Amino acid sequence: MAAGITAPFTTPDARYIIARGRLWRRSNPSLAPHVRQALVDELMSARRAMQVALRNDDEASLRQARARVDAAKVELGERGPVWWTDGTPDLNRHMARNTGYAEWYAKVEKGQ
């Protein structure tokens, strides 16, 4: 990683990363590496297409690029139905301090 950039914390169950105190669902770990890489490549391509559409003020292209981003994130397991099967609810985008991870996260913040 670049200087000054640290890897985000991962929850103990490896379902989320935490960025600025917020939970973000991780990619499905059961994806085959080549499938995951193809989806990440598509996601990055779609994000670049969004940048181009925004620079060109092209609403139609922007809608298409956003749909591609969403589709890639759903396929990666970061959006849409959860990839785990134990019935635990999805806490994506919740503040860690307001979830069942609160006690663990408080310790992480304190460096314990």
Protein backbone atom coordinates (compact mmCIF):
# COMPACT_ATOMS: atom_id res chain seq x y z
CA MET A 1 0.00 0.00 0.00
CA ALA A 2 1.06 3.59 -0.51
CA ALA A 3 2.65 5.45 2.37
CA GLY A 4 0.07 6.70 4.84
CA ILE A 5 -2.63 4.33 3.63
CA THR A 6 -3.59 1.49 5.92
CA ALA A 7 -5.67 -1.55 5.12
CA PRO A 8 -9.21 -1.35 6.52
CA PHE A 9 -10.14 -3.48 9.49
CA THR A 10 -12.06 -6.66 8.77
CA THR A 11 -14.73 -7.84 11.18
CA PRO A 12 -13.95 -11.08 13.05
CA ASP A 13 -16.41 -13.01 10.85
CA ALA A 14 -14.77 -11.55 7.68
CA ARG A 15 -18.10 -10.29 6.33
CA TYR A 16 -17.29 -6.59 6.40
CA ILE A 17 -14.48 -4.12 6.21
CA ILE A 18 -14.71 -0.99 8.29
CA ALA A 19 -13.94 2.38 6.77
CA ARG A 20 -14.39 5.51 8.88
CA GLY A 21 -16.45 3.50 11.36
CA ARG A 22 -18.88 2.17 8.78
CA LEU A 23 -19.40 -1.47 7.79
CA TRP A 24 -19.02 -2.31 4.10
CA ARG A 25 -19.83 -5.80 2.89
CA ARG A 26 -16.85 -7.72 1.53
CA SER A 27 -16.82 -9.71 -1.67
CA ASN A 28 -17.97 -13.31 -1.49
CA PRO A 29 -14.90 -15.31 -0.45
CA SER A 30 -16.16 -18.42 -2.23
CA LEU A 31 -15.75 -16.83 -5.68
CA ALA A 32 -13.07 -18.51 -7.74
CA PRO A 33 -10.03 -16.21 -8.05
CA HIS A 34 -10.39 -15.87 -11.85
CA VAL A 35 -14.11 -15.03 -11.51
CA ARG A 36 -13.43 -12.49 -8.80
CA GLN A 37 -10.68 -10.87 -10.89
CA ALA A 38 -12.93 -10.66 -13.96
CA LEU A 39 -15.63 -8.97 -11.87
CA VAL A 40 -13.15 -6.54 -10.31
CA ASP A 41 -11.84 -5.72 -13.80
CA GLU A 42 -15.42 -5.03 -14.95
CA LEU A 43 -16.08 -2.90 -11.87
CA MET A 44 -12.99 -0.78 -12.51
CA SER A 45 -13.90 -0.43 -16.20
CA ALA A 46 -17.41 0.68 -15.26
CA ARG A 47 -16.04 3.22 -12.79
CA ARG A 48 -13.77 4.63 -15.47
CA ALA A 49 -16.79 4.85 -17.80
CA MET A 50 -18.62 6.80 -15.09
CA GLN A 51 -15.76 9.30 -14.90
CA VAL A 52 -15.82 9.79 -18.66
CA ALA A 53 -19.60 10.21 -18.68
CA LEU A 54 -19.41 12.75 -15.87
CA ARG A 55 -16.68 14.73 -17.65
CA ASN A 56 -18.75 14.71 -20.83
CA ASP A 57 -22.01 15.48 -19.02
CA ASP A 58 -23.52 12.41 -20.75
CA GLU A 59 -26.53 11.29 -18.68
CA ALA A 60 -27.32 8.22 -20.80
CA SER A 61 -23.77 6.90 -20.57
CA LEU A 62 -23.67 7.70 -16.87
CA ARG A 63 -26.83 5.63 -16.25
CA GLN A 64 -25.32 2.72 -18.20
CA ALA A 65 -22.02 2.94 -16.31
CA ARG A 66 -23.78 3.08 -12.94
CA ALA A 67 -25.82 0.03 -13.89
CA ARG A 68 -22.57 -1.79 -14.76
CA VAL A 69 -21.05 -0.83 -11.40
CA ASP A 70 -24.13 -2.08 -9.58
CA ALA A 71 -24.21 -5.35 -11.54
CA ALA A 72 -20.53 -6.04 -10.81
CA LYS A 73 -21.00 -5.30 -7.10
CA VAL A 74 -24.02 -7.63 -6.94
CA GLU A 75 -22.04 -10.39 -8.65
CA LEU A 76 -19.14 -9.82 -6.25
CA GLY A 77 -21.56 -10.15 -3.33
CA GLU A 78 -21.04 -6.59 -2.09
CA ARG A 79 -24.66 -5.69 -2.86
CA GLY A 80 -27.87 -7.64 -3.31
CA PRO A 81 -28.52 -10.87 -1.42
CA VAL A 82 -25.96 -11.72 1.24
CA TRP A 83 -23.47 -14.48 0.48
CA TRP A 84 -23.58 -16.08 3.92
CA THR A 85 -26.22 -18.65 4.77
CA ASP A 86 -26.69 -18.50 8.55
CA GLY A 87 -29.55 -15.99 8.47
CA THR A 88 -27.55 -13.13 9.98
CA PRO A 89 -28.98 -9.83 8.69
CA ASP A 90 -27.03 -7.57 6.39
CA LEU A 91 -25.52 -4.58 8.20
CA ASN A 92 -23.93 -3.02 5.13
CA ARG A 93 -23.41 0.73 5.57
CA HIS A 94 -24.30 0.66 9.28
CA MET A 95 -22.01 2.36 11.75
CA ALA A 96 -20.06 -0.37 13.55
CA ARG A 97 -20.75 1.24 16.93
CA ASN A 98 -24.50 0.70 16.39
CA THR A 99 -24.29 -3.03 15.64
CA GLY A 100 -23.37 -6.30 17.28
CA TYR A 101 -19.76 -5.44 16.38
CA ALA A 102 -19.78 -2.43 18.74
CA GLU A 103 -17.83 -3.98 21.61
CA TRP A 104 -15.24 -5.49 19.29
CA TYR A 105 -14.92 -2.24 17.32
CA ALA A 106 -14.48 -0.16 20.50
CA LYS A 107 -11.50 -2.35 21.37
CA VAL A 108 -10.09 -2.02 17.84
CA GLU A 109 -10.37 1.77 18.02
CA LYS A 110 -8.50 1.76 21.34
CA GLY A 111 -5.79 -0.42 19.85
CA GLN A 112 -6.45 -3.43 22.04
